[in-house]
N, C-alpha and C. Protein backbone atom coordinates (compact mmCIF):
# COMPACT_ATOMS: atom_id res chain seq x y z
N MET A 1 0.85 -1.18 0.00
CA MET A 1 0.00 0.00 0.00
C MET A 1 0.88 1.24 0.00
N LYS A 2 0.61 2.15 -0.92
CA LYS A 2 1.38 3.38 -1.02
C LYS A 2 0.88 4.39 0.02
N LEU A 3 1.79 4.92 0.81
CA LEU A 3 1.45 5.89 1.84
C LEU A 3 1.43 7.28 1.22
N GLN A 4 0.26 7.93 1.24
CA GLN A 4 0.13 9.25 0.66
C GLN A 4 -0.09 10.26 1.78
N ILE A 5 0.92 11.06 2.03
CA ILE A 5 0.87 12.03 3.12
C ILE A 5 0.39 13.38 2.62
N PHE A 6 0.69 13.71 1.39
CA PHE A 6 0.43 15.04 0.86
C PHE A 6 -0.57 14.94 -0.28
N ASP A 7 -1.75 15.52 -0.10
CA ASP A 7 -2.75 15.57 -1.16
C ASP A 7 -3.48 16.90 -1.07
N MET A 8 -4.47 17.08 -1.92
CA MET A 8 -5.17 18.36 -1.99
C MET A 8 -5.87 18.72 -0.68
N SER A 9 -6.40 17.74 0.05
CA SER A 9 -7.06 18.06 1.31
C SER A 9 -6.07 18.66 2.32
N VAL A 10 -4.84 18.17 2.33
CA VAL A 10 -3.82 18.72 3.23
C VAL A 10 -3.49 20.15 2.83
N VAL A 11 -3.38 20.40 1.52
CA VAL A 11 -3.11 21.75 1.04
C VAL A 11 -4.24 22.70 1.45
N LEU A 12 -5.49 22.25 1.30
CA LEU A 12 -6.63 23.10 1.67
C LEU A 12 -6.66 23.40 3.16
N ILE A 13 -6.41 22.38 3.97
CA ILE A 13 -6.45 22.59 5.42
C ILE A 13 -5.33 23.53 5.86
N TRP A 14 -4.11 23.31 5.36
CA TRP A 14 -3.00 24.19 5.74
C TRP A 14 -3.21 25.61 5.21
N SER A 15 -3.83 25.75 4.05
CA SER A 15 -4.14 27.09 3.53
C SER A 15 -5.12 27.80 4.44
N LEU A 16 -6.13 27.08 4.89
CA LEU A 16 -7.10 27.66 5.82
C LEU A 16 -6.43 28.07 7.12
N VAL A 17 -5.55 27.22 7.64
CA VAL A 17 -4.83 27.53 8.87
C VAL A 17 -3.98 28.78 8.67
N ALA A 18 -3.29 28.88 7.54
CA ALA A 18 -2.45 30.05 7.26
C ALA A 18 -3.28 31.33 7.18
N ILE A 19 -4.42 31.26 6.50
CA ILE A 19 -5.29 32.43 6.38
C ILE A 19 -5.80 32.86 7.76
N LEU A 20 -6.25 31.89 8.57
CA LEU A 20 -6.74 32.22 9.91
C LEU A 20 -5.63 32.78 10.78
N ALA A 21 -4.42 32.26 10.65
CA ALA A 21 -3.28 32.77 11.44
C ALA A 21 -2.97 34.21 11.06
N VAL A 22 -3.01 34.52 9.77
CA VAL A 22 -2.76 35.90 9.33
C VAL A 22 -3.85 36.83 9.86
N ILE A 23 -5.09 36.40 9.80
CA ILE A 23 -6.20 37.22 10.33
C ILE A 23 -6.02 37.44 11.83
N ALA A 24 -5.69 36.41 12.56
CA ALA A 24 -5.48 36.53 14.01
C ALA A 24 -4.31 37.46 14.31
N TRP A 25 -3.23 37.33 13.55
CA TRP A 25 -2.05 38.18 13.75
C TRP A 25 -2.40 39.65 13.49
N ARG A 26 -3.18 39.90 12.42
CA ARG A 26 -3.54 41.28 12.06
C ARG A 26 -4.48 41.90 13.09
N GLN A 27 -5.33 41.08 13.71
CA GLN A 27 -6.25 41.61 14.72
C GLN A 27 -5.53 41.94 16.02
N GLY A 28 -4.38 41.35 16.23
CA GLY A 28 -3.59 41.65 17.42
C GLY A 28 -4.22 41.10 18.68
N GLU A 29 -3.99 41.78 19.79
CA GLU A 29 -4.52 41.40 21.11
C GLU A 29 -4.14 39.98 21.51
N GLY A 30 -3.03 39.48 20.97
CA GLY A 30 -2.57 38.14 21.34
C GLY A 30 -3.39 37.02 20.75
N LYS A 31 -4.24 37.32 19.76
CA LYS A 31 -5.12 36.29 19.19
C LYS A 31 -4.35 35.19 18.48
N LEU A 32 -3.20 35.54 17.88
CA LEU A 32 -2.40 34.50 17.22
C LEU A 32 -1.89 33.51 18.26
N ARG A 33 -1.33 34.01 19.35
CA ARG A 33 -0.82 33.14 20.41
C ARG A 33 -1.94 32.35 21.06
N LEU A 34 -3.08 33.01 21.33
CA LEU A 34 -4.21 32.32 21.93
C LEU A 34 -4.74 31.21 21.02
N GLY A 35 -4.83 31.51 19.72
CA GLY A 35 -5.31 30.51 18.77
C GLY A 35 -4.37 29.32 18.68
N LEU A 36 -3.06 29.60 18.63
CA LEU A 36 -2.08 28.51 18.59
C LEU A 36 -2.16 27.66 19.85
N THR A 37 -2.29 28.34 21.00
CA THR A 37 -2.37 27.62 22.27
C THR A 37 -3.60 26.73 22.31
N ARG A 38 -4.74 27.29 21.90
CA ARG A 38 -5.98 26.50 21.93
C ARG A 38 -5.90 25.33 20.94
N GLY A 39 -5.36 25.57 19.76
CA GLY A 39 -5.23 24.51 18.78
C GLY A 39 -4.34 23.38 19.28
N LEU A 40 -3.23 23.72 19.94
CA LEU A 40 -2.35 22.70 20.49
C LEU A 40 -3.02 21.94 21.64
N GLN A 41 -3.82 22.65 22.44
CA GLN A 41 -4.57 21.97 23.50
C GLN A 41 -5.54 20.95 22.91
N MET A 42 -6.26 21.35 21.86
CA MET A 42 -7.21 20.43 21.23
C MET A 42 -6.47 19.25 20.59
N PHE A 43 -5.28 19.52 20.02
CA PHE A 43 -4.50 18.43 19.46
C PHE A 43 -4.05 17.47 20.55
N GLY A 44 -3.67 18.03 21.71
CA GLY A 44 -3.26 17.18 22.83
C GLY A 44 -4.39 16.28 23.31
N ILE A 45 -5.62 16.78 23.24
CA ILE A 45 -6.78 16.00 23.67
C ILE A 45 -7.19 15.00 22.59
N ASN A 46 -7.29 15.46 21.34
CA ASN A 46 -7.83 14.63 20.27
C ASN A 46 -6.78 13.84 19.49
N GLY A 47 -5.55 14.29 19.49
CA GLY A 47 -4.49 13.60 18.75
C GLY A 47 -4.37 12.14 19.14
N PRO A 48 -4.25 11.84 20.44
CA PRO A 48 -4.17 10.42 20.83
C PRO A 48 -5.41 9.62 20.44
N ARG A 49 -6.58 10.24 20.51
CA ARG A 49 -7.81 9.54 20.12
C ARG A 49 -7.79 9.18 18.64
N VAL A 50 -7.36 10.13 17.83
CA VAL A 50 -7.29 9.88 16.39
C VAL A 50 -6.30 8.76 16.10
N MET A 51 -5.13 8.79 16.74
CA MET A 51 -4.12 7.75 16.51
C MET A 51 -4.65 6.38 16.91
N VAL A 52 -5.29 6.30 18.06
CA VAL A 52 -5.82 5.02 18.52
C VAL A 52 -6.93 4.53 17.60
N ALA A 53 -7.82 5.44 17.18
CA ALA A 53 -8.90 5.05 16.28
C ALA A 53 -8.35 4.55 14.95
N LEU A 54 -7.32 5.20 14.42
CA LEU A 54 -6.74 4.76 13.16
C LEU A 54 -6.01 3.44 13.32
N LEU A 55 -5.34 3.24 14.45
CA LEU A 55 -4.70 1.95 14.70
C LEU A 55 -5.75 0.84 14.80
N ALA A 56 -6.85 1.11 15.51
CA ALA A 56 -7.92 0.12 15.62
C ALA A 56 -8.49 -0.21 14.24
N ALA A 57 -8.69 0.81 13.41
CA ALA A 57 -9.21 0.58 12.06
C ALA A 57 -8.22 -0.24 11.24
N GLY A 58 -6.94 0.01 11.42
CA GLY A 58 -5.93 -0.78 10.72
C GLY A 58 -6.01 -2.24 11.10
N PHE A 59 -6.14 -2.52 12.39
CA PHE A 59 -6.28 -3.91 12.83
C PHE A 59 -7.60 -4.51 12.34
N LEU A 60 -8.69 -3.74 12.45
CA LEU A 60 -9.99 -4.24 12.02
C LEU A 60 -9.99 -4.62 10.54
N SER A 61 -9.30 -3.81 9.73
CA SER A 61 -9.31 -4.08 8.29
C SER A 61 -8.68 -5.43 7.96
N TYR A 62 -7.83 -5.94 8.85
CA TYR A 62 -7.22 -7.26 8.61
C TYR A 62 -7.86 -8.36 9.45
N LEU A 63 -8.56 -7.99 10.52
CA LEU A 63 -9.13 -8.99 11.41
C LEU A 63 -10.59 -9.33 11.13
N LEU A 64 -11.32 -8.38 10.55
CA LEU A 64 -12.73 -8.65 10.25
C LEU A 64 -12.82 -9.78 9.23
N PRO A 65 -13.63 -10.78 9.49
CA PRO A 65 -13.77 -11.87 8.53
C PRO A 65 -14.51 -11.39 7.27
N LYS A 66 -13.77 -11.28 6.18
CA LYS A 66 -14.30 -10.71 4.95
C LYS A 66 -15.54 -11.44 4.43
N ALA A 67 -15.55 -12.74 4.51
CA ALA A 67 -16.70 -13.50 4.02
C ALA A 67 -17.95 -13.18 4.85
N LEU A 68 -17.78 -13.07 6.16
CA LEU A 68 -18.91 -12.78 7.04
C LEU A 68 -19.41 -11.34 6.83
N VAL A 69 -18.47 -10.39 6.72
CA VAL A 69 -18.86 -8.99 6.48
C VAL A 69 -19.59 -8.89 5.14
N ALA A 70 -19.06 -9.52 4.11
CA ALA A 70 -19.71 -9.48 2.80
C ALA A 70 -21.10 -10.13 2.85
N GLN A 71 -21.22 -11.22 3.60
CA GLN A 71 -22.51 -11.93 3.69
C GLN A 71 -23.56 -11.06 4.39
N TRP A 72 -23.18 -10.42 5.49
CA TRP A 72 -24.13 -9.68 6.30
C TRP A 72 -24.27 -8.21 5.90
N LEU A 73 -23.19 -7.61 5.39
CA LEU A 73 -23.20 -6.17 5.10
C LEU A 73 -22.87 -5.83 3.65
N GLY A 74 -22.62 -6.84 2.85
CA GLY A 74 -22.22 -6.62 1.46
C GLY A 74 -23.36 -6.09 0.60
N ALA A 75 -22.99 -5.69 -0.60
CA ALA A 75 -23.97 -5.12 -1.53
C ALA A 75 -25.10 -6.08 -1.84
N GLU A 76 -24.83 -7.38 -1.83
CA GLU A 76 -25.84 -8.38 -2.15
C GLU A 76 -26.77 -8.68 -0.96
N ALA A 77 -26.45 -8.19 0.22
CA ALA A 77 -27.22 -8.52 1.42
C ALA A 77 -28.54 -7.77 1.50
N GLY A 78 -28.73 -6.74 0.69
CA GLY A 78 -30.00 -6.02 0.61
C GLY A 78 -30.41 -5.32 1.89
N TRP A 79 -31.72 -5.45 2.20
CA TRP A 79 -32.28 -4.77 3.37
C TRP A 79 -31.63 -5.23 4.67
N GLN A 80 -31.21 -6.47 4.72
CA GLN A 80 -30.54 -6.99 5.92
C GLN A 80 -29.33 -6.12 6.26
N ALA A 81 -28.52 -5.78 5.27
CA ALA A 81 -27.32 -4.99 5.48
C ALA A 81 -27.68 -3.58 5.95
N ILE A 82 -28.69 -2.99 5.33
CA ILE A 82 -29.12 -1.64 5.71
C ILE A 82 -29.65 -1.66 7.14
N LEU A 83 -30.45 -2.66 7.48
CA LEU A 83 -31.01 -2.77 8.83
C LEU A 83 -29.91 -2.94 9.87
N ILE A 84 -28.92 -3.80 9.58
CA ILE A 84 -27.81 -3.99 10.52
C ILE A 84 -27.05 -2.69 10.70
N GLY A 85 -26.77 -2.00 9.59
CA GLY A 85 -26.09 -0.70 9.69
C GLY A 85 -26.86 0.28 10.55
N CYS A 86 -28.18 0.31 10.37
CA CYS A 86 -29.03 1.21 11.17
C CYS A 86 -29.00 0.85 12.65
N LEU A 87 -29.00 -0.44 12.96
CA LEU A 87 -29.08 -0.88 14.36
C LEU A 87 -27.74 -0.78 15.09
N VAL A 88 -26.64 -0.94 14.38
CA VAL A 88 -25.33 -0.94 15.03
C VAL A 88 -24.79 0.48 15.22
N GLY A 89 -25.05 1.36 14.27
CA GLY A 89 -24.51 2.71 14.29
C GLY A 89 -24.68 3.48 15.60
N PRO A 90 -25.86 3.48 16.20
CA PRO A 90 -26.05 4.27 17.42
C PRO A 90 -25.16 3.85 18.60
N PHE A 91 -24.63 2.65 18.56
CA PHE A 91 -23.83 2.16 19.69
C PHE A 91 -22.35 2.54 19.59
N PHE A 92 -21.95 3.24 18.52
CA PHE A 92 -20.56 3.64 18.36
C PHE A 92 -20.36 5.06 18.86
N PRO A 93 -19.71 5.22 20.02
CA PRO A 93 -19.46 6.56 20.55
C PRO A 93 -18.23 7.18 19.89
N GLY A 94 -18.06 8.46 20.10
CA GLY A 94 -16.82 9.10 19.71
C GLY A 94 -16.89 9.95 18.46
N GLY A 95 -17.99 9.98 17.79
CA GLY A 95 -18.10 10.81 16.61
C GLY A 95 -17.18 10.38 15.49
N PRO A 96 -16.84 11.32 14.61
CA PRO A 96 -16.07 10.98 13.41
C PRO A 96 -14.69 10.42 13.70
N LEU A 97 -14.11 10.75 14.85
CA LEU A 97 -12.78 10.23 15.18
C LEU A 97 -12.77 8.72 15.28
N VAL A 98 -13.90 8.15 15.66
CA VAL A 98 -14.01 6.70 15.79
C VAL A 98 -14.75 6.11 14.59
N ILE A 99 -15.82 6.75 14.18
CA ILE A 99 -16.70 6.20 13.15
C ILE A 99 -16.00 6.02 11.80
N PHE A 100 -15.29 7.05 11.33
CA PHE A 100 -14.73 6.97 9.98
C PHE A 100 -13.64 5.92 9.84
N PRO A 101 -12.75 5.76 10.80
CA PRO A 101 -11.82 4.62 10.68
C PRO A 101 -12.53 3.27 10.66
N VAL A 102 -13.62 3.13 11.42
CA VAL A 102 -14.40 1.89 11.40
C VAL A 102 -15.04 1.70 10.02
N LEU A 103 -15.55 2.78 9.43
CA LEU A 103 -16.15 2.69 8.10
C LEU A 103 -15.13 2.23 7.06
N VAL A 104 -13.91 2.76 7.15
CA VAL A 104 -12.85 2.35 6.23
C VAL A 104 -12.60 0.85 6.37
N ALA A 105 -12.53 0.38 7.62
CA ALA A 105 -12.28 -1.05 7.86
C ALA A 105 -13.44 -1.90 7.31
N LEU A 106 -14.67 -1.46 7.51
CA LEU A 106 -15.82 -2.21 7.00
C LEU A 106 -15.82 -2.27 5.48
N LEU A 107 -15.52 -1.15 4.83
CA LEU A 107 -15.48 -1.14 3.37
C LEU A 107 -14.39 -2.07 2.85
N LYS A 108 -13.22 -2.04 3.50
CA LYS A 108 -12.12 -2.91 3.07
C LYS A 108 -12.46 -4.39 3.30
N ALA A 109 -13.32 -4.65 4.28
CA ALA A 109 -13.70 -6.04 4.58
C ALA A 109 -14.86 -6.52 3.71
N GLY A 110 -15.41 -5.65 2.87
CA GLY A 110 -16.45 -6.10 1.95
C GLY A 110 -17.85 -5.57 2.20
N ALA A 111 -18.01 -4.64 3.14
CA ALA A 111 -19.33 -4.06 3.37
C ALA A 111 -19.71 -3.20 2.16
N GLY A 112 -21.00 -3.16 1.86
CA GLY A 112 -21.49 -2.35 0.76
C GLY A 112 -21.80 -0.94 1.20
N LEU A 113 -21.84 -0.04 0.24
CA LEU A 113 -22.13 1.37 0.54
C LEU A 113 -23.49 1.58 1.20
N PRO A 114 -24.57 0.88 0.80
CA PRO A 114 -25.85 1.11 1.49
C PRO A 114 -25.77 0.84 2.99
N ALA A 115 -25.13 -0.25 3.39
CA ALA A 115 -24.99 -0.56 4.82
C ALA A 115 -24.10 0.46 5.52
N VAL A 116 -23.02 0.85 4.87
CA VAL A 116 -22.08 1.80 5.47
C VAL A 116 -22.73 3.16 5.64
N PHE A 117 -23.48 3.60 4.62
CA PHE A 117 -24.15 4.90 4.73
C PHE A 117 -25.26 4.87 5.78
N ALA A 118 -25.97 3.75 5.88
CA ALA A 118 -27.00 3.61 6.93
C ALA A 118 -26.34 3.63 8.30
N PHE A 119 -25.21 2.95 8.44
CA PHE A 119 -24.45 2.94 9.69
C PHE A 119 -24.02 4.36 10.06
N LEU A 120 -23.42 5.07 9.12
CA LEU A 120 -22.95 6.43 9.38
C LEU A 120 -24.10 7.36 9.76
N THR A 121 -25.20 7.25 9.04
CA THR A 121 -26.35 8.12 9.32
C THR A 121 -26.97 7.79 10.67
N SER A 122 -27.10 6.52 10.99
CA SER A 122 -27.70 6.16 12.29
C SER A 122 -26.77 6.56 13.44
N ALA A 123 -25.46 6.44 13.24
CA ALA A 123 -24.53 6.88 14.28
C ALA A 123 -24.63 8.39 14.48
N SER A 124 -24.80 9.12 13.39
CA SER A 124 -24.89 10.58 13.49
C SER A 124 -26.22 11.06 14.06
N VAL A 125 -27.31 10.42 13.64
CA VAL A 125 -28.65 10.89 14.02
C VAL A 125 -29.11 10.26 15.33
N TRP A 126 -28.78 9.00 15.56
CA TRP A 126 -29.28 8.28 16.73
C TRP A 126 -28.21 7.95 17.76
N GLY A 127 -27.03 8.58 17.71
CA GLY A 127 -25.94 8.24 18.62
C GLY A 127 -26.37 8.24 20.08
N LEU A 128 -26.41 7.07 20.69
CA LEU A 128 -26.90 6.95 22.07
C LEU A 128 -26.06 7.73 23.07
N HIS A 129 -24.75 7.77 22.87
CA HIS A 129 -23.90 8.51 23.79
C HIS A 129 -24.28 9.98 23.80
N ARG A 130 -24.57 10.54 22.63
CA ARG A 130 -24.95 11.95 22.55
C ARG A 130 -26.34 12.19 23.12
N ILE A 131 -27.25 11.27 22.85
CA ILE A 131 -28.63 11.42 23.34
C ILE A 131 -28.66 11.36 24.86
N LEU A 132 -27.96 10.36 25.43
CA LEU A 132 -28.00 10.16 26.88
C LEU A 132 -27.16 11.18 27.65
N MET A 133 -26.03 11.58 27.07
CA MET A 133 -25.12 12.47 27.81
C MET A 133 -25.40 13.94 27.58
N PHE A 134 -25.97 14.30 26.43
CA PHE A 134 -26.15 15.71 26.13
C PHE A 134 -27.59 16.09 25.85
N GLU A 135 -28.22 15.37 24.94
CA GLU A 135 -29.53 15.80 24.46
C GLU A 135 -30.61 15.76 25.55
N ILE A 136 -30.77 14.62 26.21
CA ILE A 136 -31.80 14.53 27.25
C ILE A 136 -31.48 15.45 28.43
N PRO A 137 -30.25 15.45 28.96
CA PRO A 137 -29.97 16.35 30.09
C PRO A 137 -30.10 17.83 29.74
N MET A 138 -29.72 18.22 28.53
CA MET A 138 -29.73 19.64 28.18
C MET A 138 -31.06 20.11 27.58
N MET A 139 -31.66 19.25 26.75
CA MET A 139 -32.85 19.66 26.02
C MET A 139 -34.13 19.05 26.58
N GLY A 140 -33.99 18.01 27.36
CA GLY A 140 -35.15 17.37 27.96
C GLY A 140 -35.62 16.17 27.16
N PRO A 141 -36.34 15.26 27.84
CA PRO A 141 -36.80 14.03 27.18
C PRO A 141 -37.81 14.29 26.06
N ARG A 142 -38.65 15.29 26.20
CA ARG A 142 -39.65 15.58 25.16
C ARG A 142 -38.95 15.97 23.86
N PHE A 143 -37.98 16.86 23.96
CA PHE A 143 -37.21 17.29 22.79
C PHE A 143 -36.56 16.07 22.12
N ALA A 144 -35.88 15.25 22.92
CA ALA A 144 -35.19 14.08 22.40
C ALA A 144 -36.17 13.12 21.73
N ALA A 145 -37.31 12.88 22.36
CA ALA A 145 -38.29 11.95 21.80
C ALA A 145 -38.83 12.46 20.46
N ILE A 146 -39.17 13.74 20.40
CA ILE A 146 -39.70 14.30 19.15
C ILE A 146 -38.64 14.24 18.05
N ARG A 147 -37.40 14.56 18.37
CA ARG A 147 -36.34 14.51 17.37
C ARG A 147 -36.10 13.09 16.88
N LEU A 148 -36.09 12.13 17.81
CA LEU A 148 -35.86 10.74 17.42
C LEU A 148 -37.01 10.21 16.57
N ILE A 149 -38.24 10.51 16.95
CA ILE A 149 -39.40 10.05 16.18
C ILE A 149 -39.39 10.68 14.78
N SER A 150 -39.09 11.98 14.73
CA SER A 150 -39.11 12.67 13.43
C SER A 150 -37.96 12.23 12.52
N SER A 151 -36.91 11.66 13.09
CA SER A 151 -35.77 11.26 12.27
C SER A 151 -35.63 9.74 12.12
N CYS A 152 -36.63 9.00 12.59
CA CYS A 152 -36.49 7.54 12.62
C CYS A 152 -36.34 6.90 11.25
N LEU A 153 -36.83 7.54 10.20
CA LEU A 153 -36.73 6.95 8.87
C LEU A 153 -35.46 7.36 8.12
N LEU A 154 -34.72 8.31 8.66
CA LEU A 154 -33.55 8.81 7.92
C LEU A 154 -32.51 7.74 7.59
N PRO A 155 -31.98 7.00 8.57
CA PRO A 155 -30.94 6.02 8.21
C PRO A 155 -31.39 4.96 7.20
N PRO A 156 -32.59 4.34 7.37
CA PRO A 156 -32.98 3.38 6.34
C PRO A 156 -33.20 4.04 4.97
N LEU A 157 -33.72 5.26 4.97
CA LEU A 157 -33.92 5.95 3.69
C LEU A 157 -32.59 6.27 3.02
N VAL A 158 -31.58 6.62 3.80
CA VAL A 158 -30.25 6.86 3.24
C VAL A 158 -29.72 5.58 2.60
N GLY A 159 -29.88 4.45 3.28
CA GLY A 159 -29.46 3.18 2.70
C GLY A 159 -30.20 2.87 1.41
N LEU A 160 -31.52 3.08 1.41
CA LEU A 160 -32.33 2.83 0.21
C LEU A 160 -31.95 3.78 -0.92
N MET A 161 -31.78 5.05 -0.61
CA MET A 161 -31.39 6.02 -1.63
C MET A 161 -30.03 5.68 -2.21
N THR A 162 -29.14 5.14 -1.39
CA THR A 162 -27.83 4.72 -1.88
C THR A 162 -27.99 3.60 -2.91
N VAL A 163 -28.85 2.64 -2.61
CA VAL A 163 -29.12 1.56 -3.57
C VAL A 163 -29.65 2.14 -4.88
N ILE A 164 -30.60 3.04 -4.78
CA ILE A 164 -31.21 3.64 -5.98
C ILE A 164 -30.16 4.41 -6.79
N ILE A 165 -29.35 5.19 -6.13
CA ILE A 165 -28.31 5.96 -6.83
C ILE A 165 -27.30 5.03 -7.49
N LEU A 166 -26.89 4.00 -6.77
CA LEU A 166 -25.92 3.06 -7.34
C LEU A 166 -26.52 2.30 -8.53
N GLN A 167 -27.80 1.95 -8.44
CA GLN A 167 -28.45 1.28 -9.57
C GLN A 167 -28.59 2.23 -10.76
N PHE A 168 -28.95 3.48 -10.48
CA PHE A 168 -29.12 4.49 -11.53
C PHE A 168 -27.82 4.76 -12.26
N THR A 169 -26.73 4.78 -11.51
CA THR A 169 -25.42 5.04 -12.12
C THR A 169 -24.78 3.79 -12.68
N GLY A 170 -25.42 2.64 -12.47
CA GLY A 170 -24.90 1.40 -13.01
C GLY A 170 -23.72 0.83 -12.24
N THR A 171 -23.57 1.23 -10.98
CA THR A 171 -22.44 0.74 -10.18
C THR A 171 -22.87 -0.23 -9.10
N PHE A 172 -24.14 -0.61 -9.08
CA PHE A 172 -24.63 -1.56 -8.09
C PHE A 172 -24.70 -2.93 -8.73
N PRO A 173 -24.26 -3.97 -8.00
CA PRO A 173 -24.25 -5.31 -8.61
C PRO A 173 -25.63 -5.78 -9.01
């Protein structure tokens, strides 16, 4: 596998950082130093999480049984794969730092896009850690219940729409 460290996304991110640094420097009042300090603090908190999540995804990509993943989550698995993606997603805490490395591992192990998109959407919309730790305590159970009920069809619909788009573009088996 070729290791690609430098691509357009890195250029865009560093360009944004440079622009923000110049703006902070021009505004004065120590904003450049404060911004650098805060950014390094966030890196100190999230950097280890990202490294561990990527290491876990690296192991998962070789440890997940490809035949089983393809059988249960592959493109040929149909609604079963979408349903499993919808049901498993909410149990993955940690947001994108954890979810995206897991998605990479699932795709490499043979999961289909409909299941992966349903998983990602259900993790984003129905994430139990967020609902229990933030939404209910801050917004109340009524708010959480109405939001969950109003969004209950989103993950399966995303999976279904993925199937339709892939069939329309001729890229679905």
